[in-house]
């Protein structure tokens, strides 16, 4: 009160400039790269802060969250908007400043009503309601409050936003490996099922004996599938389009891929079967068994990725799975000691060569298809 009554503008005369002090809390060095990776991954990062709108927009522009044409809103502006007005401009808003806890919940709900999966990060007590409302709440493990940690689905032990991006890469790679393993198993089994159905409809001898199916389940259904599940991840997976909230693992595209690959393997397995059937039933089942087994072992390489083999690194687990399976299969086919136990007919060199050719062609066709589609994409 004393200074208010005694000091005025006239007192600010004949002053000597001594210096200027400014303070800034700069963004982390890795934050700009993390935001860039989010955009590549199809994720829209949004800044929600209690800071002044000028400060918020400046930092957001510096790290790549704010772009020309985007909007910045203050909490007081948000309060005056109806839900419809917010929905109309929601995709254009990159920065929310001077917000209260209830504003954060409203923003999260608005994006969820927009049909999007929302991840919310926060560290304070006032962030807890929005963390709870979001699909994936992410709390800070070092500076975060206990309330925010309890409300979150995930806790960052290093308080680093870039860790979220790495978690996305890991999650997408795990999902892709699981999906590729399922594609491998279903497409190979579909080929065997179609072969059995064809012979049943044509009233022909069965192409696979029980001992053959046991070997198929033991070797070709296990080793390559496990190797695909251990496929090395890649940061390039960020460039894939994010999955929708209601997307199924076996969507239309995946089912078409399974059907196409299974049908290709079936066609050449049946060709081997009919070649052997010209001689006798035992040779027919032996050639069908050998062709299907080897084709499925080779198919393990096809299912590693949607890209052709020359565009992906080596997977020594897949190579090992193929070598083990191929050696065991060849040993069974050429060793007379196993012929009785596995019901294998007398295979000449010509028949063995035809088995290897018929088993290899499906992988060649699938790889050519992957080359064409990868160039198109």
Protein backbone atom coordinates (compact mmCIF):
# COMPACT_ATOMS: atom_id res chain seq x y z
CA UNK A 1 0.00 0.00 0.00
CA UNK A 2 2.94 2.35 0.79
CA UNK A 3 4.58 1.81 -2.56
CA UNK A 4 1.28 2.17 -4.39
CA UNK A 5 0.80 5.65 -2.93
CA UNK A 6 4.37 6.93 -3.15
CA UNK A 7 5.71 5.54 -6.45
CA UNK A 8 4.61 6.73 -9.89
CA UNK A 9 5.90 6.96 -13.44
CA UNK A 10 8.09 9.91 -12.62
CA UNK A 11 10.20 7.76 -10.38
CA UNK A 12 11.29 5.68 -13.38
CA UNK A 13 13.73 8.29 -14.65
CA UNK A 14 17.48 8.50 -14.81
CA UNK A 15 17.81 4.74 -14.26
CA UNK A 16 20.92 2.84 -15.33
CA UNK A 17 20.38 -0.45 -17.21
CA UNK A 18 22.30 -3.12 -15.36
CA UNK A 19 21.12 -6.30 -17.08
CA UNK A 20 18.25 -8.54 -18.19
CA UNK A 21 17.53 -11.99 -16.80
CA UNK A 22 15.24 -14.47 -18.57
CA UNK A 23 14.23 -17.98 -17.58
CA UNK A 24 13.11 -20.82 -19.82
CA UNK A 25 12.22 -24.44 -19.26
CA UNK A 26 13.35 -25.89 -22.60
CA UNK A 27 11.84 -29.08 -24.04
CA UNK A 28 13.95 -32.20 -23.95
CA UNK A 29 16.24 -32.77 -26.90
CA UNK A 30 14.52 -36.06 -27.80
CA UNK A 31 11.00 -34.59 -27.68
CA UNK A 32 11.14 -33.15 -31.20
CA UNK A 33 12.14 -36.50 -32.67
CA UNK A 34 9.49 -38.27 -30.59
CA UNK A 35 6.76 -35.95 -31.87
CA UNK A 36 7.98 -36.49 -35.42
CA UNK A 37 7.76 -40.27 -34.96
CA UNK A 38 4.24 -39.92 -33.57
CA UNK A 39 3.15 -38.09 -36.71
CA UNK A 40 4.78 -40.77 -38.87
CA UNK A 41 2.90 -43.41 -36.87
CA UNK A 42 -0.43 -41.70 -37.51
CA UNK A 43 -0.70 -40.37 -33.95
CA UNK A 44 -1.71 -36.73 -33.41
CA UNK A 45 0.09 -35.22 -30.39
CA UNK A 46 -1.79 -32.42 -28.60
CA UNK A 47 -0.47 -30.10 -25.90
CA UNK A 48 -2.73 -29.40 -22.91
CA UNK A 49 -1.13 -27.04 -20.40
CA UNK A 50 -1.84 -24.48 -17.74
CA UNK A 51 0.79 -22.11 -19.17
CA UNK A 52 0.06 -18.92 -21.08
CA UNK A 53 -1.14 -19.48 -24.64
CA UNK A 54 1.83 -17.60 -26.16
CA UNK A 55 4.32 -19.76 -24.27
CA UNK A 56 2.42 -22.95 -25.08
CA UNK A 57 2.17 -22.20 -28.81
CA UNK A 58 5.84 -21.26 -29.01
CA UNK A 59 7.01 -24.52 -27.43
CA UNK A 60 4.50 -26.57 -29.43
CA UNK A 61 5.75 -25.01 -32.66
CA UNK A 62 9.36 -25.61 -31.65
CA UNK A 63 8.88 -29.37 -31.11
CA UNK A 64 6.52 -29.92 -34.05
CA UNK A 65 3.13 -30.22 -32.34
CA UNK A 66 1.84 -26.92 -33.74
CA UNK A 67 1.84 -26.34 -37.51
CA UNK A 68 0.71 -23.47 -39.68
CA UNK A 69 -3.07 -23.48 -39.88
CA UNK A 70 -3.55 -25.17 -36.49
CA UNK A 71 -5.52 -23.54 -33.70
CA UNK A 72 -4.64 -22.70 -30.09
CA UNK A 73 -7.43 -22.44 -27.52
CA UNK A 74 -7.54 -21.13 -23.98
CA UNK A 75 -9.69 -22.66 -21.28
CA UNK A 76 -11.94 -19.60 -21.17
CA UNK A 77 -12.64 -20.00 -24.90
CA UNK A 78 -13.33 -23.68 -24.41
CA UNK A 79 -15.92 -22.91 -21.74
CA UNK A 80 -17.90 -20.74 -24.15
CA UNK A 81 -18.05 -23.46 -26.82
CA UNK A 82 -20.84 -25.97 -27.18
CA UNK A 83 -19.99 -29.64 -27.66
CA UNK A 84 -20.87 -29.38 -31.36
CA UNK A 85 -18.64 -26.34 -31.85
CA UNK A 86 -15.75 -28.15 -30.18
CA UNK A 87 -16.34 -31.25 -32.31
CA UNK A 88 -16.24 -29.16 -35.50
CA UNK A 89 -12.82 -27.65 -34.79
CA UNK A 90 -11.34 -30.52 -32.76
CA UNK A 91 -8.99 -31.91 -35.47
CA UNK A 92 -7.54 -28.42 -36.03
CA UNK A 93 -6.67 -27.66 -32.39
CA UNK A 94 -3.11 -28.58 -31.42
CA UNK A 95 -2.66 -26.55 -28.24
CA UNK A 96 -4.92 -25.94 -25.23
CA UNK A 97 -3.62 -23.36 -22.72
CA UNK A 98 -4.79 -22.08 -19.34
CA UNK A 99 -6.95 -25.16 -18.87
CA UNK A 100 -8.61 -26.53 -15.75
CA UNK A 101 -9.01 -30.25 -14.87
CA UNK A 102 -12.57 -30.32 -16.19
CA UNK A 103 -11.35 -28.94 -19.52
CA UNK A 104 -8.93 -31.87 -19.86
CA UNK A 105 -11.72 -34.39 -19.34
CA UNK A 106 -13.87 -32.61 -21.92
CA UNK A 107 -11.07 -32.68 -24.50
CA UNK A 108 -10.48 -36.40 -23.92
CA UNK A 109 -14.20 -37.18 -24.20
CA UNK A 110 -14.49 -35.10 -27.38
CA UNK A 111 -11.77 -37.15 -29.09
CA UNK A 112 -13.33 -40.39 -27.88
CA UNK A 113 -16.69 -39.28 -29.27
CA UNK A 114 -14.80 -38.64 -32.50
CA UNK A 115 -14.09 -42.39 -32.64
CA UNK A 116 -10.42 -42.12 -31.68
CA UNK A 117 -8.32 -44.00 -29.13
CA UNK A 118 -6.97 -41.42 -26.68
CA UNK A 119 -3.79 -41.63 -24.62
CA UNK A 120 -3.34 -38.97 -21.94
CA UNK A 121 -0.10 -38.13 -20.13
CA UNK A 122 0.09 -36.25 -16.84
CA UNK A 123 1.84 -36.02 -13.51
CA UNK A 124 -0.34 -33.90 -11.23
CA UNK A 125 -3.34 -34.53 -9.03
CA UNK A 126 -5.45 -32.42 -11.39
CA UNK A 127 -4.53 -34.77 -14.27
CA UNK A 128 -5.98 -37.85 -12.56
CA UNK A 129 -9.59 -37.46 -13.82
CA UNK A 130 -8.44 -37.12 -17.45
CA UNK A 131 -6.00 -40.03 -17.06
CA UNK A 132 -8.87 -42.17 -15.78
CA UNK A 133 -11.18 -41.07 -18.62
CA UNK A 134 -8.68 -41.73 -21.40
CA UNK A 135 -8.29 -45.13 -23.07
CA UNK A 136 -4.63 -45.26 -22.01
CA UNK A 137 -3.58 -43.06 -19.09
CA UNK A 138 0.18 -42.50 -18.82
CA UNK A 139 1.59 -41.13 -15.56
CA UNK A 140 5.11 -39.95 -14.74
CA UNK A 141 6.97 -42.34 -12.48
CA UNK A 142 9.56 -39.89 -11.10
CA UNK A 143 7.74 -36.58 -10.71
CA UNK A 144 4.17 -37.89 -10.87
CA UNK A 145 1.84 -37.80 -7.90
CA UNK A 146 0.55 -41.00 -6.36
CA UNK A 147 -2.98 -40.04 -7.38
CA UNK A 148 -2.01 -39.77 -11.05
CA UNK A 149 -0.14 -43.09 -10.88
CA UNK A 150 -3.17 -44.85 -9.42
CA UNK A 151 -5.43 -43.43 -12.14
CA UNK A 152 -3.08 -44.30 -15.02
CA UNK A 153 -2.86 -47.48 -17.08
CA UNK A 154 0.89 -47.12 -17.61
CA UNK A 155 3.69 -45.41 -15.69
CA UNK A 156 6.83 -44.01 -17.33
CA UNK A 157 9.73 -44.79 -15.02
CA UNK A 158 11.96 -42.26 -16.81
CA UNK A 159 9.34 -39.48 -17.34
CA UNK A 160 10.36 -39.40 -21.00
CA UNK A 161 7.77 -38.94 -23.74
CA UNK A 162 10.08 -40.68 -26.22
CA UNK A 163 9.62 -43.88 -24.19
CA UNK A 164 5.96 -43.92 -25.25
CA UNK A 165 7.05 -44.01 -28.89
CA UNK A 166 9.37 -46.94 -28.17
CA UNK A 167 6.49 -48.70 -26.41
CA UNK A 168 4.35 -48.19 -29.54
CA UNK A 169 7.10 -49.67 -31.72
CA UNK A 170 7.44 -52.68 -29.40
CA UNK A 171 3.68 -53.20 -29.24
CA UNK A 172 3.23 -53.02 -33.00
CA UNK A 173 6.10 -55.44 -33.59
CA UNK A 174 4.70 -57.95 -31.08
CA UNK A 175 1.24 -57.68 -32.64
CA UNK A 176 2.68 -58.13 -36.14
CA UNK A 177 4.67 -61.22 -35.13
CA UNK A 178 1.60 -62.80 -33.53
CA UNK A 179 -0.49 -62.00 -36.58
CA UNK A 180 2.13 -63.42 -38.98
CA UNK A 181 2.35 -66.62 -36.92
CA UNK A 182 -1.42 -67.01 -37.12
CA UNK A 183 -1.36 -66.39 -40.88
CA UNK A 184 1.31 -69.07 -41.24
CA UNK A 185 -0.61 -71.64 -39.22
CA UNK A 186 -4.02 -70.98 -40.78
CA UNK A 187 -2.83 -70.80 -44.39
CA UNK A 188 -0.86 -74.06 -44.07
CA UNK A 189 -3.69 -75.89 -42.33
CA UNK A 190 -6.18 -74.50 -44.86
CA UNK A 191 -4.12 -76.05 -47.65
CA UNK A 192 -4.30 -79.47 -45.96
CA UNK A 193 -8.05 -79.13 -45.33
CA UNK A 194 -8.78 -78.24 -48.95
CA UNK A 195 -6.71 -81.20 -50.14
CA UNK A 196 -8.71 -83.57 -47.94
CA UNK A 197 -12.01 -82.03 -49.09
CA UNK A 198 -11.08 -82.38 -52.77
CA UNK A 199 -10.18 -86.05 -52.42
CA UNK A 200 -13.35 -86.66 -50.40
CA UNK A 201 -15.58 -85.05 -53.01
CA UNK A 202 -13.84 -86.99 -55.80
CA UNK A 203 -14.00 -90.22 -53.75
CA UNK A 204 -10.22 -90.66 -53.93
CA UNK A 205 -7.84 -92.19 -51.38
CA UNK A 206 -6.94 -89.88 -48.51
CA UNK A 207 -3.86 -87.74 -49.27
CA UNK A 208 -2.57 -87.77 -45.68
CA UNK A 209 -2.38 -90.67 -43.27
CA UNK A 210 -2.66 -90.13 -39.49
CA UNK A 211 1.10 -90.46 -39.02
CA UNK A 212 1.62 -87.81 -41.70
CA UNK A 213 -0.67 -85.35 -39.93
CA UNK A 214 1.12 -86.06 -36.66
CA UNK A 215 4.48 -85.18 -38.21
CA UNK A 216 3.00 -82.04 -39.81
CA UNK A 217 1.64 -80.88 -36.45
CA UNK A 218 4.86 -81.72 -34.66
CA UNK A 219 7.34 -80.09 -37.05
CA UNK A 220 5.77 -77.66 -39.52
CA UNK A 221 3.16 -76.29 -37.09
CA UNK A 222 5.69 -75.57 -34.37
CA UNK A 223 9.23 -74.60 -35.34
CA UNK A 224 8.52 -72.04 -38.12
CA UNK A 225 5.65 -70.47 -36.13
CA UNK A 226 7.91 -70.03 -33.10
CA UNK A 227 10.63 -68.54 -35.32
CA UNK A 228 8.16 -66.02 -36.78
CA UNK A 229 7.14 -65.04 -33.26
CA UNK A 230 10.81 -64.23 -32.53
CA UNK A 231 11.16 -61.98 -35.57
CA UNK A 232 13.32 -58.94 -34.92
CA UNK A 233 11.36 -55.68 -34.65
CA UNK A 234 11.91 -52.64 -36.84
CA UNK A 235 11.29 -48.91 -36.34
CA UNK A 236 9.86 -48.86 -39.86
CA UNK A 237 6.68 -50.37 -38.44
CA UNK A 238 5.75 -46.82 -37.36
CA UNK A 239 4.88 -46.11 -40.97
CA UNK A 240 2.04 -48.61 -40.87
CA UNK A 241 -1.44 -47.20 -40.53
CA UNK A 242 -2.78 -47.52 -36.94
CA UNK A 243 -5.43 -50.14 -36.33
CA UNK A 244 -8.97 -49.03 -35.62
CA UNK A 245 -10.57 -49.57 -32.25
CA UNK A 246 -12.86 -52.31 -33.58
CA UNK A 247 -10.44 -53.87 -36.06
CA UNK A 248 -10.33 -57.65 -35.90
CA UNK A 249 -7.15 -59.69 -36.03
CA UNK A 250 -8.67 -61.73 -38.85
CA UNK A 251 -10.00 -58.88 -40.97
CA UNK A 252 -10.97 -59.09 -44.62
CA UNK A 253 -7.44 -58.42 -45.88
CA UNK A 254 -5.93 -61.08 -43.62
CA UNK A 255 -8.53 -63.68 -44.54
CA UNK A 256 -7.90 -63.05 -48.25
CA UNK A 257 -4.16 -63.47 -47.68
CA UNK A 258 -4.70 -66.74 -45.79
CA UNK A 259 -7.03 -68.03 -48.50
CA UNK A 260 -4.70 -67.06 -51.35
CA UNK A 261 -1.58 -68.57 -49.80
CA UNK A 262 -3.39 -71.70 -48.63
CA UNK A 263 -4.90 -72.25 -52.07
CA UNK A 264 -1.52 -71.88 -53.80
CA UNK A 265 0.04 -74.52 -51.52
CA UNK A 266 -2.99 -76.78 -52.00
CA UNK A 267 -2.79 -76.61 -55.81
CA UNK A 268 0.78 -77.88 -55.97
CA UNK A 269 0.23 -80.44 -53.20
CA UNK A 270 -2.63 -81.90 -55.24
CA UNK A 271 -0.47 -81.90 -58.38
CA UNK A 272 2.09 -84.02 -56.52
CA UNK A 273 -0.72 -86.23 -55.25
CA UNK A 274 -2.09 -86.91 -58.74
CA UNK A 275 1.41 -87.64 -60.07
CA UNK A 276 1.85 -90.29 -57.39
CA UNK A 277 -1.68 -91.61 -57.87
CA UNK A 278 -0.75 -92.70 -61.38
CA UNK A 279 1.46 -95.31 -59.71
CA UNK A 280 -0.35 -96.28 -56.50
CA UNK A 281 -2.17 -94.85 -53.46
CA UNK A 282 0.82 -95.13 -51.14
CA UNK A 283 3.04 -93.13 -53.48
CA UNK A 284 0.29 -90.53 -53.90
CA UNK A 285 -0.01 -89.94 -50.16
CA UNK A 286 3.78 -89.92 -49.79
CA UNK A 287 4.23 -87.25 -52.45
CA UNK A 288 1.35 -85.15 -51.06
CA UNK A 289 2.81 -85.43 -47.56
CA UNK A 290 6.34 -84.49 -48.69
CA UNK A 291 5.16 -81.58 -50.82
CA UNK A 292 2.89 -80.12 -48.14
CA UNK A 293 5.55 -80.42 -45.42
CA UNK A 294 8.31 -78.81 -47.45
CA UNK A 295 5.98 -76.14 -48.87
CA UNK A 296 4.92 -75.18 -45.35
CA UNK A 297 8.51 -75.05 -44.12
CA UNK A 298 9.35 -72.68 -46.98
CA UNK A 299 6.14 -70.77 -46.30
CA UNK A 300 7.59 -69.85 -42.91
CA UNK A 301 9.87 -67.40 -44.74
CA UNK A 302 6.91 -65.88 -46.62
CA UNK A 303 5.01 -65.17 -43.40
CA UNK A 304 7.83 -63.26 -41.74
CA UNK A 305 6.64 -59.99 -43.29
CA UNK A 306 4.44 -58.47 -45.95
CA UNK A 307 7.63 -57.39 -47.69
CA UNK A 308 9.65 -59.66 -50.01
CA UNK A 309 12.57 -61.49 -48.43
CA UNK A 310 15.28 -59.30 -49.95
CA UNK A 311 13.86 -56.26 -48.12
CA UNK A 312 13.99 -57.75 -44.61
CA UNK A 313 16.99 -58.85 -42.50
CA UNK A 314 17.88 -62.47 -41.92
CA UNK A 315 16.12 -64.37 -39.16
CA UNK A 316 18.40 -67.17 -38.03
CA UNK A 317 15.56 -68.73 -36.06
CA UNK A 318 13.58 -69.15 -39.29
CA UNK A 319 16.62 -70.56 -41.06
CA UNK A 320 17.21 -73.01 -38.21
CA UNK A 321 13.55 -74.06 -38.16
CA UNK A 322 13.62 -74.72 -41.91
CA UNK A 323 16.90 -76.66 -41.79
CA UNK A 324 15.73 -78.90 -38.94
CA UNK A 325 12.37 -79.57 -40.56
CA UNK A 326 13.82 -80.11 -44.06
CA UNK A 327 16.52 -82.50 -42.78
CA UNK A 328 13.98 -84.57 -40.82
CA UNK A 329 11.58 -84.67 -43.77
CA UNK A 330 14.29 -85.65 -46.26
CA UNK A 331 15.55 -88.33 -43.89
CA UNK A 332 12.06 -89.81 -43.65
CA UNK A 333 11.54 -89.72 -47.42
CA UNK A 334 14.87 -91.32 -48.44
CA UNK A 335 15.59 -93.66 -45.53
CA UNK A 336 13.98 -97.12 -45.92
CA UNK A 337 14.11 -97.53 -42.13
CA UNK A 338 11.35 -94.92 -41.75
CA UNK A 339 9.20 -95.96 -44.70
CA UNK A 340 7.22 -98.55 -42.79
CA UNK A 341 6.63 -96.41 -39.71
CA UNK A 342 5.63 -93.28 -41.74
CA UNK A 343 3.86 -95.25 -44.52
CA UNK A 344 6.13 -93.87 -47.24
CA UNK A 345 6.11 -95.46 -50.70
CA UNK A 346 9.11 -96.15 -52.86
CA UNK A 347 10.26 -92.72 -54.09
CA UNK A 348 12.54 -92.51 -57.09
CA UNK A 349 14.91 -89.57 -57.67
CA UNK A 350 12.39 -88.23 -60.16
CA UNK A 351 9.63 -88.30 -57.56
CA UNK A 352 11.85 -86.63 -54.96
CA UNK A 353 12.80 -83.93 -57.46
CA UNK A 354 9.12 -83.32 -58.23
CA UNK A 355 8.35 -83.00 -54.51
CA UNK A 356 11.02 -80.31 -54.13
CA UNK A 357 9.85 -78.46 -57.26
CA UNK A 358 6.16 -78.56 -56.34
CA UNK A 359 6.98 -77.42 -52.79
CA UNK A 360 9.13 -74.50 -53.96
CA UNK A 361 6.78 -73.01 -56.57
CA UNK A 362 4.18 -71.70 -54.05
CA UNK A 363 6.85 -69.65 -52.25
CA UNK A 364 8.09 -68.26 -55.57
CA UNK A 365 4.55 -67.20 -56.50
CA UNK A 366 3.96 -65.62 -53.08
CA UNK A 367 7.28 -63.77 -53.18
CA UNK A 368 6.54 -62.40 -56.65
CA UNK A 369 3.17 -61.20 -55.38
CA UNK A 370 4.83 -59.50 -52.39
CA UNK A 371 7.33 -57.80 -54.71
CA UNK A 372 4.52 -56.40 -56.86
CA UNK A 373 2.42 -55.21 -53.92
CA UNK A 374 5.40 -53.67 -52.07
CA UNK A 375 6.35 -51.63 -55.14
CA UNK A 376 2.75 -50.50 -55.51
CA UNK A 377 2.57 -49.46 -51.84
